[in-house]
Amino acid sequence: MLAPYLGGSEPTAKLDAAEKFLLDMCKVSGLRQRLTCWLTMLTFETRCRDLQAQLTLTLTLTLTLTLTLTLTGAAEGHLQRGQVRARLAEHAAGSG
């Protein structure tokens, strides 16, 4: 039924969207490639949403880990400064 359109002898303007889709599928060589294209088209939006959710989760975890490490480093730095101050105070008390 779509053979005249494949050869280019008939204009495709009068075809519906579904017929144009089937025409495009006929242009893809090999059944496996056709099925892969069709499956991709049918699941594209779902795959995009899943990928967006994965990226959002990855970004959230990365930011959380970065913030945790930054705060931990700051806390350790504060403890080190506190220890230095304590030793200076001990030294000052011992020498005075």
PDB file of N, CA and C in Angstrom:
ATOM      1  N   MET A   1       0.803  -1.184   0.000  1.00  0.00           N
ATOM      2  CA  MET A   1       0.000   0.000   0.000  1.00  0.00           C
ATOM      3  C   MET A   1       0.861   1.271   0.000  1.00  0.00           C
ATOM      4  N   LEU A   2       2.019   1.217   0.679  1.00  0.00           N
ATOM      5  CA  LEU A   2       2.885   2.388   0.763  1.00  0.00           C
ATOM      6  C   LEU A   2       3.965   2.408  -0.325  1.00  0.00           C
ATOM      7  N   ALA A   3       3.992   1.377  -1.160  1.00  0.00           N
ATOM      8  CA  ALA A   3       5.030   1.271  -2.197  1.00  0.00           C
ATOM      9  C   ALA A   3       5.101   2.492  -3.116  1.00  0.00           C
ATOM     10  N   PRO A   4       3.995   3.057  -3.582  1.00  0.00           N
ATOM     11  CA  PRO A   4       4.100   4.240  -4.439  1.00  0.00           C
ATOM     12  C   PRO A   4       4.756   5.432  -3.734  1.00  0.00           C
ATOM     13  N   TYR A   5       4.568   5.514  -2.417  1.00  0.00           N
ATOM     14  CA  TYR A   5       5.158   6.608  -1.654  1.00  0.00           C
ATOM     15  C   TYR A   5       6.647   6.382  -1.423  1.00  0.00           C
ATOM     16  N   LEU A   6       7.036   5.123  -1.331  1.00  0.00           N
ATOM     17  CA  LEU A   6       8.459   4.801  -1.144  1.00  0.00           C
ATOM     18  C   LEU A   6       9.272   5.172  -2.377  1.00  0.00           C
ATOM     19  N   GLY A   7       8.686   4.955  -3.528  1.00  0.00           N
ATOM     20  CA  GLY A   7       9.382   5.276  -4.769  1.00  0.00           C
ATOM     21  C   GLY A   7       9.401   6.756  -5.082  1.00  0.00           C
ATOM     22  N   GLY A   8       8.594   7.526  -4.373  1.00  0.00           N
ATOM     23  CA  GLY A   8       8.549   8.960  -4.590  1.00  0.00           C
ATOM     24  C   GLY A   8       7.595   9.391  -5.679  1.00  0.00           C
ATOM     25  N   SER A   9       6.816   8.447  -6.227  1.00  0.00           N
ATOM     26  CA  SER A   9       5.895   8.801  -7.307  1.00  0.00           C
ATOM     27  C   SER A   9       4.631   9.476  -6.783  1.00  0.00           C
ATOM     28  N   GLU A  10       4.339   9.318  -5.493  1.00  0.00           N
ATOM     29  CA  GLU A  10       3.154   9.944  -4.894  1.00  0.00           C
ATOM     30  C   GLU A  10       3.604  10.918  -3.799  1.00  0.00           C
ATOM     31  N   PRO A  11       3.009  12.089  -3.728  1.00  0.00           N
ATOM     32  CA  PRO A  11       3.361  13.021  -2.645  1.00  0.00           C
ATOM     33  C   PRO A  11       2.819  12.518  -1.307  1.00  0.00           C
ATOM     34  N   THR A  12       3.584  12.720  -0.254  1.00  0.00           N
ATOM     35  CA  THR A  12       3.202  12.207   1.068  1.00  0.00           C
ATOM     36  C   THR A  12       2.366  13.200   1.868  1.00  0.00           C
ATOM     37  N   ALA A  13       2.053  14.344   1.314  1.00  0.00           N
ATOM     38  CA  ALA A  13       1.304  15.369   2.043  1.00  0.00           C
ATOM     39  C   ALA A  13      -0.089  14.897   2.453  1.00  0.00           C
ATOM     40  N   LYS A  14      -0.693  14.024   1.646  1.00  0.00           N
ATOM     41  CA  LYS A  14      -2.049  13.585   1.967  1.00  0.00           C
ATOM     42  C   LYS A  14      -2.097  12.413   2.944  1.00  0.00           C
ATOM     43  N   LEU A  15      -0.943  11.941   3.402  1.00  0.00           N
ATOM     44  CA  LEU A  15      -0.909  10.843   4.367  1.00  0.00           C
ATOM     45  C   LEU A  15      -1.127  11.367   5.782  1.00  0.00           C
ATOM     46  N   ASP A  16      -1.763  10.545   6.613  1.00  0.00           N
ATOM     47  CA  ASP A  16      -1.916  10.863   8.037  1.00  0.00           C
ATOM     48  C   ASP A  16      -0.581  10.642   8.743  1.00  0.00           C
ATOM     49  N   ALA A  17      -0.503  11.075   9.990  1.00  0.00           N
ATOM     50  CA  ALA A  17       0.728  10.926  10.771  1.00  0.00           C
ATOM     51  C   ALA A  17       1.104   9.458  10.941  1.00  0.00           C
ATOM     52  N   ALA A  18       0.122   8.604  11.185  1.00  0.00           N
ATOM     53  CA  ALA A  18       0.402   7.179  11.364  1.00  0.00           C
ATOM     54  C   ALA A  18       0.950   6.565  10.073  1.00  0.00           C
ATOM     55  N   GLU A  19       0.394   6.959   8.947  1.00  0.00           N
ATOM     56  CA  GLU A  19       0.874   6.434   7.661  1.00  0.00           C
ATOM     57  C   GLU A  19       2.275   6.956   7.362  1.00  0.00           C
ATOM     58  N   LYS A  20       2.548   8.202   7.712  1.00  0.00           N
ATOM     59  CA  LYS A  20       3.903   8.745   7.521  1.00  0.00           C
ATOM     60  C   LYS A  20       4.903   8.007   8.406  1.00  0.00           C
ATOM     61  N   PHE A  21       4.462   7.672   9.616  1.00  0.00           N
ATOM     62  CA  PHE A  21       5.330   6.900  10.508  1.00  0.00           C
ATOM     63  C   PHE A  21       5.655   5.543   9.898  1.00  0.00           C
ATOM     64  N   LEU A  22       4.641   4.841   9.388  1.00  0.00           N
ATOM     65  CA  LEU A  22       4.866   3.541   8.752  1.00  0.00           C
ATOM     66  C   LEU A  22       5.751   3.678   7.523  1.00  0.00           C
ATOM     67  N   LEU A  23       5.597   4.756   6.784  1.00  0.00           N
ATOM     68  CA  LEU A  23       6.435   5.008   5.621  1.00  0.00           C
ATOM     69  C   LEU A  23       7.893   5.183   6.049  1.00  0.00           C
ATOM     70  N   ASP A  24       8.114   5.941   7.110  1.00  0.00           N
ATOM     71  CA  ASP A  24       9.478   6.112   7.638  1.00  0.00           C
ATOM     72  C   ASP A  24      10.049   4.788   8.121  1.00  0.00           C
ATOM     73  N   MET A  25       9.194   3.950   8.731  1.00  0.00           N
ATOM     74  CA  MET A  25       9.657   2.646   9.197  1.00  0.00           C
ATOM     75  C   MET A  25      10.054   1.755   8.029  1.00  0.00           C
ATOM     76  N   CYS A  26       9.356   1.865   6.908  1.00  0.00           N
ATOM     77  CA  CYS A  26       9.684   1.066   5.725  1.00  0.00           C
ATOM     78  C   CYS A  26      11.038   1.477   5.135  1.00  0.00           C
ATOM     79  N   LYS A  27      11.431   2.708   5.364  1.00  0.00           N
ATOM     80  CA  LYS A  27      12.704   3.201   4.825  1.00  0.00           C
ATOM     81  C   LYS A  27      13.901   2.697   5.617  1.00  0.00           C
ATOM     82  N   VAL A  28      13.662   2.244   6.840  1.00  0.00           N
ATOM     83  CA  VAL A  28      14.742   1.703   7.672  1.00  0.00           C
ATOM     84  C   VAL A  28      14.985   0.266   7.235  1.00  0.00           C
ATOM     85  N   SER A  29      16.225  -0.041   6.922  1.00  0.00           N
ATOM     86  CA  SER A  29      16.516  -1.397   6.438  1.00  0.00           C
ATOM     87  C   SER A  29      16.610  -2.367   7.605  1.00  0.00           C
ATOM     88  N   GLY A  30      16.100  -3.549   7.421  1.00  0.00           N
ATOM     89  CA  GLY A  30      16.194  -4.614   8.410  1.00  0.00           C
ATOM     90  C   GLY A  30      15.104  -4.544   9.465  1.00  0.00           C
ATOM     91  N   LEU A  31      14.529  -5.674   9.757  1.00  0.00           N
ATOM     92  CA  LEU A  31      13.449  -5.753  10.735  1.00  0.00           C
ATOM     93  C   LEU A  31      13.925  -5.373  12.130  1.00  0.00           C
ATOM     94  N   ARG A  32      15.098  -5.824  12.496  1.00  0.00           N
ATOM     95  CA  ARG A  32      15.624  -5.520  13.830  1.00  0.00           C
ATOM     96  C   ARG A  32      15.760  -4.009  14.023  1.00  0.00           C
ATOM     97  N   GLN A  33      16.285  -3.323  13.029  1.00  0.00           N
ATOM     98  CA  GLN A  33      16.428  -1.869  13.110  1.00  0.00           C
ATOM     99  C   GLN A  33      15.064  -1.193  13.184  1.00  0.00           C
ATOM    100  N   ARG A  34      14.115  -1.692  12.432  1.00  0.00           N
ATOM    101  CA  ARG A  34      12.765  -1.119  12.464  1.00  0.00           C
ATOM    102  C   ARG A  34      12.151  -1.247  13.852  1.00  0.00           C
ATOM    103  N   LEU A  35      12.273  -2.454  14.415  1.00  0.00           N
ATOM    104  CA  LEU A  35      11.703  -2.686  15.744  1.00  0.00           C
ATOM    105  C   LEU A  35      12.413  -1.846  16.808  1.00  0.00           C
ATOM    106  N   THR A  36      13.723  -1.713  16.693  1.00  0.00           N
ATOM    107  CA  THR A  36      14.474  -0.892  17.635  1.00  0.00           C
ATOM    108  C   THR A  36      14.038   0.565  17.549  1.00  0.00           C
ATOM    109  N   CYS A  37      13.872   1.066  16.341  1.00  0.00           N
ATOM    110  CA  CYS A  37      13.408   2.446  16.150  1.00  0.00           C
ATOM    111  C   CYS A  37      12.018   2.629  16.745  1.00  0.00           C
ATOM    112  N   TRP A  38      11.158   1.690  16.505  1.00  0.00           N
ATOM    113  CA  TRP A  38       9.790   1.774  16.991  1.00  0.00           C
ATOM    114  C   TRP A  38       9.753   1.744  18.517  1.00  0.00           C
ATOM    115  N   LEU A  39      10.509   0.819  19.118  1.00  0.00           N
ATOM    116  CA  LEU A  39      10.562   0.718  20.568  1.00  0.00           C
ATOM    117  C   LEU A  39      11.132   2.001  21.171  1.00  0.00           C
ATOM    118  N   THR A  40      12.154   2.535  20.562  1.00  0.00           N
ATOM    119  CA  THR A  40      12.742   3.790  21.045  1.00  0.00           C
ATOM    120  C   THR A  40      11.719   4.911  21.010  1.00  0.00           C
ATOM    121  N   MET A  41      10.982   4.997  19.928  1.00  0.00           N
ATOM    122  CA  MET A  41       9.970   6.039  19.808  1.00  0.00           C
ATOM    123  C   MET A  41       8.889   5.875  20.889  1.00  0.00           C
ATOM    124  N   LEU A  42       8.470   4.644  21.125  1.00  0.00           N
ATOM    125  CA  LEU A  42       7.399   4.404  22.091  1.00  0.00           C
ATOM    126  C   LEU A  42       7.842   4.652  23.537  1.00  0.00           C
ATOM    127  N   THR A  43       9.102   4.429  23.833  1.00  0.00           N
ATOM    128  CA  THR A  43       9.586   4.535  25.215  1.00  0.00           C
ATOM    129  C   THR A  43      10.451   5.764  25.455  1.00  0.00           C
ATOM    130  N   PHE A  44      10.571   6.646  24.501  1.00  0.00           N
ATOM    131  CA  PHE A  44      11.490   7.780  24.603  1.00  0.00           C
ATOM    132  C   PHE A  44      11.162   8.686  25.796  1.00  0.00           C
ATOM    133  N   GLU A  45       9.905   9.071  25.947  1.00  0.00           N
ATOM    134  CA  GLU A  45       9.528   9.973  27.036  1.00  0.00           C
ATOM    135  C   GLU A  45       9.778   9.338  28.395  1.00  0.00           C
ATOM    136  N   THR A  46       9.463   8.055  28.526  1.00  0.00           N
ATOM    137  CA  THR A  46       9.701   7.352  29.786  1.00  0.00           C
ATOM    138  C   THR A  46      11.186   7.288  30.086  1.00  0.00           C
ATOM    139  N   ARG A  47      11.980   6.989  29.074  1.00  0.00           N
ATOM    140  CA  ARG A  47      13.432   6.941  29.265  1.00  0.00           C
ATOM    141  C   ARG A  47      13.978   8.298  29.668  1.00  0.00           C
ATOM    142  N   CYS A  48      13.465   9.359  29.092  1.00  0.00           N
ATOM    143  CA  CYS A  48      13.898  10.714  29.443  1.00  0.00           C
ATOM    144  C   CYS A  48      13.561  11.033  30.895  1.00  0.00           C
ATOM    145  N   ARG A  49      12.352  10.681  31.326  1.00  0.00           N
ATOM    146  CA  ARG A  49      11.958  10.925  32.718  1.00  0.00           C
ATOM    147  C   ARG A  49      12.829  10.120  33.674  1.00  0.00           C
ATOM    148  N   ASP A  50      13.101   8.851  33.333  1.00  0.00           N
ATOM    149  CA  ASP A  50      13.945   8.009  34.179  1.00  0.00           C
ATOM    150  C   ASP A  50      15.358   8.582  34.271  1.00  0.00           C
ATOM    151  N   LEU A  51      15.891   9.022  33.155  1.00  0.00           N
ATOM    152  CA  LEU A  51      17.232   9.600  33.144  1.00  0.00           C
ATOM    153  C   LEU A  51      17.269  10.882  33.964  1.00  0.00           C
ATOM    154  N   GLN A  52      16.243  11.713  33.833  1.00  0.00           N
ATOM    155  CA  GLN A  52      16.186  12.952  34.611  1.00  0.00           C
ATOM    156  C   GLN A  52      16.133  12.635  36.106  1.00  0.00           C
ATOM    157  N   ALA A  53      15.361  11.624  36.493  1.00  0.00           N
ATOM    158  CA  ALA A  53      15.273  11.238  37.904  1.00  0.00           C
ATOM    159  C   ALA A  53      16.620  10.731  38.408  1.00  0.00           C
ATOM    160  N   GLN A  54      17.316   9.932  37.594  1.00  0.00           N
ATOM    161  CA  GLN A  54      18.629   9.426  37.981  1.00  0.00           C
ATOM    162  C   GLN A  54      19.633  10.562  38.130  1.00  0.00           C
ATOM    163  N   LEU A  55      19.603  11.513  37.194  1.00  0.00           N
ATOM    164  CA  LEU A  55      20.521  12.640  37.264  1.00  0.00           C
ATOM    165  C   LEU A  55      20.233  13.513  38.476  1.00  0.00           C
ATOM    166  N   THR A  56      18.958  13.715  38.785  1.00  0.00           N
ATOM    167  CA  THR A  56      18.582  14.504  39.955  1.00  0.00           C
ATOM    168  C   THR A  56      19.064  13.826  41.226  1.00  0.00           C
ATOM    169  N   LEU A  57      18.879  12.518  41.318  1.00  0.00           N
ATOM    170  CA  LEU A  57      19.330  11.772  42.489  1.00  0.00           C
ATOM    171  C   LEU A  57      20.848  11.830  42.610  1.00  0.00           C
ATOM    172  N   THR A  58      21.555  11.646  41.502  1.00  0.00           N
ATOM    173  CA  THR A  58      23.013  11.697  41.513  1.00  0.00           C
ATOM    174  C   THR A  58      23.497  13.071  41.955  1.00  0.00           C
ATOM    175  N   LEU A  59      22.891  14.116  41.434  1.00  0.00           N
ATOM    176  CA  LEU A  59      23.271  15.473  41.804  1.00  0.00           C
ATOM    177  C   LEU A  59      23.004  15.723  43.276  1.00  0.00           C
ATOM    178  N   THR A  60      21.860  15.275  43.773  1.00  0.00           N
ATOM    179  CA  THR A  60      21.519  15.450  45.186  1.00  0.00           C
ATOM    180  C   THR A  60      22.522  14.730  46.074  1.00  0.00           C
ATOM    181  N   LEU A  61      22.840  13.487  45.735  1.00  0.00           N
ATOM    182  CA  LEU A  61      23.802  12.728  46.533  1.00  0.00           C
ATOM    183  C   LEU A  61      25.185  13.362  46.491  1.00  0.00           C
ATOM    184  N   THR A  62      25.587  13.844  45.312  1.00  0.00           N
ATOM    185  CA  THR A  62      26.900  14.485  45.179  1.00  0.00           C
ATOM    186  C   THR A  62      26.976  15.751  46.023  1.00  0.00           C
ATOM    187  N   LEU A  63      25.931  16.573  45.953  1.00  0.00           N
ATOM    188  CA  LEU A  63      25.913  17.805  46.749  1.00  0.00           C
ATOM    189  C   LEU A  63      25.889  17.509  48.242  1.00  0.00           C
ATOM    190  N   THR A  64      25.124  16.491  48.642  1.00  0.00           N
ATOM    191  CA  THR A  64      25.059  16.112  50.053  1.00  0.00           C
ATOM    192  C   THR A  64      26.420  15.634  50.545  1.00  0.00           C
ATOM    193  N   LEU A  65      27.069  14.802  49.760  1.00  0.00           N
ATOM    194  CA  LEU A  65      28.382  14.293  50.139  1.00  0.00           C
ATOM    195  C   LEU A  65      29.400  15.426  50.204  1.00  0.00           C
ATOM    196  N   THR A  66      29.368  16.315  49.224  1.00  0.00           N
ATOM    197  CA  THR A  66      30.301  17.446  49.211  1.00  0.00           C
ATOM    198  C   THR A  66      30.093  18.331  50.432  1.00  0.00           C
ATOM    199  N   LEU A  67      28.833  18.632  50.744  1.00  0.00           N
ATOM    200  CA  LEU A  67      28.536  19.456  51.910  1.00  0.00           C
ATOM    201  C   LEU A  67      28.968  18.769  53.195  1.00  0.00           C
ATOM    202  N   THR A  68      28.721  17.463  53.306  1.00  0.00           N
ATOM    203  CA  THR A  68      29.119  16.707  54.490  1.00  0.00           C
ATOM    204  C   THR A  68      30.626  16.732  54.669  1.00  0.00           C
ATOM    205  N   LEU A  69      31.355  16.488  53.588  1.00  0.00           N
ATOM    206  CA  LEU A  69      32.814  16.495  53.670  1.00  0.00           C
ATOM    207  C   LEU A  69      33.339  17.887  54.003  1.00  0.00           C
ATOM    208  N   THR A  70      32.711  18.912  53.458  1.00  0.00           N
ATOM    209  CA  THR A  70      33.137  20.286  53.735  1.00  0.00           C
ATOM    210  C   THR A  70      32.910  20.623  55.205  1.00  0.00           C
ATOM    211  N   LEU A  71      31.730  20.278  55.720  1.00  0.00           N
ATOM    212  CA  LEU A  71      31.436  20.558  57.124  1.00  0.00           C
ATOM    213  C   LEU A  71      32.308  19.730  58.057  1.00  0.00           C
ATOM    214  N   THR A  72      32.571  18.482  57.679  1.00  0.00           N
ATOM    215  CA  THR A  72      33.439  17.637  58.488  1.00  0.00           C
ATOM    216  C   THR A  72      34.848  18.207  58.519  1.00  0.00           C
ATOM    217  N   GLY A  73      35.331  18.634  57.350  1.00  0.00           N
ATOM    218  CA  GLY A  73      36.660  19.240  57.278  1.00  0.00           C
ATOM    219  C   GLY A  73      36.731  20.508  58.101  1.00  0.00           C
ATOM    220  N   ALA A  74      35.680  21.313  58.057  1.00  0.00           N
ATOM    221  CA  ALA A  74      35.651  22.551  58.840  1.00  0.00           C
ATOM    222  C   ALA A  74      35.645  22.228  60.332  1.00  0.00           C
ATOM    223  N   ALA A  75      34.895  21.203  60.731  1.00  0.00           N
ATOM    224  CA  ALA A  75      34.842  20.820  62.136  1.00  0.00           C
ATOM    225  C   ALA A  75      36.194  20.303  62.598  1.00  0.00           C
ATOM    226  N   GLU A  76      36.845  19.497  61.765  1.00  0.00           N
ATOM    227  CA  GLU A  76      38.171  18.990  62.115  1.00  0.00           C
ATOM    228  C   GLU A  76      39.166  20.136  62.219  1.00  0.00           C
ATOM    229  N   GLY A  77      39.064  21.080  61.299  1.00  0.00           N
ATOM    230  CA  GLY A  77      39.935  22.250  61.344  1.00  0.00           C
ATOM    231  C   GLY A  77      39.712  23.054  62.609  1.00  0.00           C
ATOM    232  N   HIS A  78      38.453  23.176  63.045  1.00  0.00           N
ATOM    233  CA  HIS A  78      38.125  23.903  64.263  1.00  0.00           C
ATOM    234  C   HIS A  78      38.729  23.181  65.469  1.00  0.00           C
ATOM    235  N   LEU A  79      38.624  21.858  65.491  1.00  0.00           N
ATOM    236  CA  LEU A  79      39.199  21.097  66.594  1.00  0.00           C
ATOM    237  C   LEU A  79      40.704  21.252  66.619  1.00  0.00           C
ATOM    238  N   GLN A  80      41.325  21.256  65.458  1.00  0.00           N
ATOM    239  CA  GLN A  80      42.772  21.417  65.409  1.00  0.00           C
ATOM    240  C   GLN A  80      43.183  22.794  65.933  1.00  0.00           C
ATOM    241  N   ARG A  81      42.441  23.816  65.550  1.00  0.00           N
ATOM    242  CA  ARG A  81      42.746  25.158  66.052  1.00  0.00           C
ATOM    243  C   ARG A  81      42.549  25.211  67.568  1.00  0.00           C
ATOM    244  N   GLY A  82      41.486  24.543  68.020  1.00  0.00           N
ATOM    245  CA  GLY A  82      41.238  24.498  69.466  1.00  0.00           C
ATOM    246  C   GLY A  82      42.356  23.789  70.204  1.00  0.00           C
ATOM    247  N   GLN A  83      42.864  22.710  69.617  1.00  0.00           N
ATOM    248  CA  GLN A  83      43.969  21.978  70.240  1.00  0.00           C
ATOM    249  C   GLN A  83      45.229  22.835  70.279  1.00  0.00           C
ATOM    250  N   VAL A  84      45.462  23.574  69.190  1.00  0.00           N
ATOM    251  CA  VAL A  84      46.638  24.454  69.144  1.00  0.00           C
ATOM    252  C   VAL A  84      46.517  25.526  70.230  1.00  0.00           C
ATOM    253  N   ARG A  85      45.340  26.102  70.360  1.00  0.00           N
ATOM    254  CA  ARG A  85      45.121  27.127  71.387  1.00  0.00           C
ATOM    255  C   ARG A  85      45.352  26.549  72.791  1.00  0.00           C
ATOM    256  N   ALA A  86      44.860  25.326  73.000  1.00  0.00           N
ATOM    257  CA  ALA A  86      45.032  24.689  74.310  1.00  0.00           C
ATOM    258  C   ALA A  86      46.512  24.459  74.604  1.00  0.00           C
ATOM    259  N   ARG A  87      47.248  24.006  73.620  1.00  0.00           N
ATOM    260  CA  ARG A  87      48.687  23.771  73.826  1.00  0.00           C
ATOM    261  C   ARG A  87      49.433  25.087  74.069  1.00  0.00           C
ATOM    262  N   LEU A  88      49.039  26.124  73.343  1.00  0.00           N
ATOM    263  CA  LEU A  88      49.657  27.434  73.564  1.00  0.00           C
ATOM    264  C   LEU A  88      49.360  27.936  74.982  1.00  0.00           C
ATOM    265  N   ALA A  89      48.106  27.703  75.409  1.00  0.00           N
ATOM    266  CA  ALA A  89      47.742  28.127  76.771  1.00  0.00           C
ATOM    267  C   ALA A  89      48.533  27.335  77.801  1.00  0.00           C
ATOM    268  N   GLU A  90      48.693  26.014  77.577  1.00  0.00           N
ATOM    269  CA  GLU A  90      49.484  25.172  78.490  1.00  0.00           C
ATOM    270  C   GLU A  90      50.927  25.652  78.528  1.00  0.00           C
ATOM    271  N   HIS A  91      51.464  25.920  77.339  1.00  0.00           N
ATOM    272  CA  HIS A  91      52.868  26.366  77.245  1.00  0.00           C
ATOM    273  C   HIS A  91      53.039  27.717  77.957  1.00  0.00           C
ATOM    274  N   ALA A  92      52.088  28.624  77.746  1.00  0.00           N
ATOM    275  CA  ALA A  92      52.166  29.946  78.373  1.00  0.00           C
ATOM    276  C   ALA A  92      52.057  29.810  79.889  1.00  0.00           C
ATOM    277  N   ALA A  93      51.198  28.902  80.359  1.00  0.00           N
ATOM    278  CA  ALA A  93      51.026  28.712  81.802  1.00  0.00           C
ATOM    279  C   ALA A  93      52.269  28.066  82.389  1.00  0.00           C
ATOM    280  N   GLY A  94      52.899  27.155  81.657  1.00  0.00           N
ATOM    281  CA  GLY A  94      54.077  26.458  82.156  1.00  0.00           C
ATOM    282  C   GLY A  94      55.305  27.338  82.169  1.00  0.00           C
ATOM    283  N   SER A  95      55.427  28.256  81.239  1.00  0.00           N
ATOM    284  CA  SER A  95      56.605  29.106  81.182  1.00  0.00           C
ATOM    285  C   SER A  95      56.416  30.373  81.995  1.00  0.00           C
ATOM    286  N   GLY A  96      55.208  30.681  82.443  1.00  0.00           N
ATOM    287  CA  GLY A  96      54.968  31.924  83.164  1.00  0.00           C
ATOM    288  C   GLY A  96      54.935  31.701  84.589  1.00  0.00           C
TER     289      GLY A  96
END
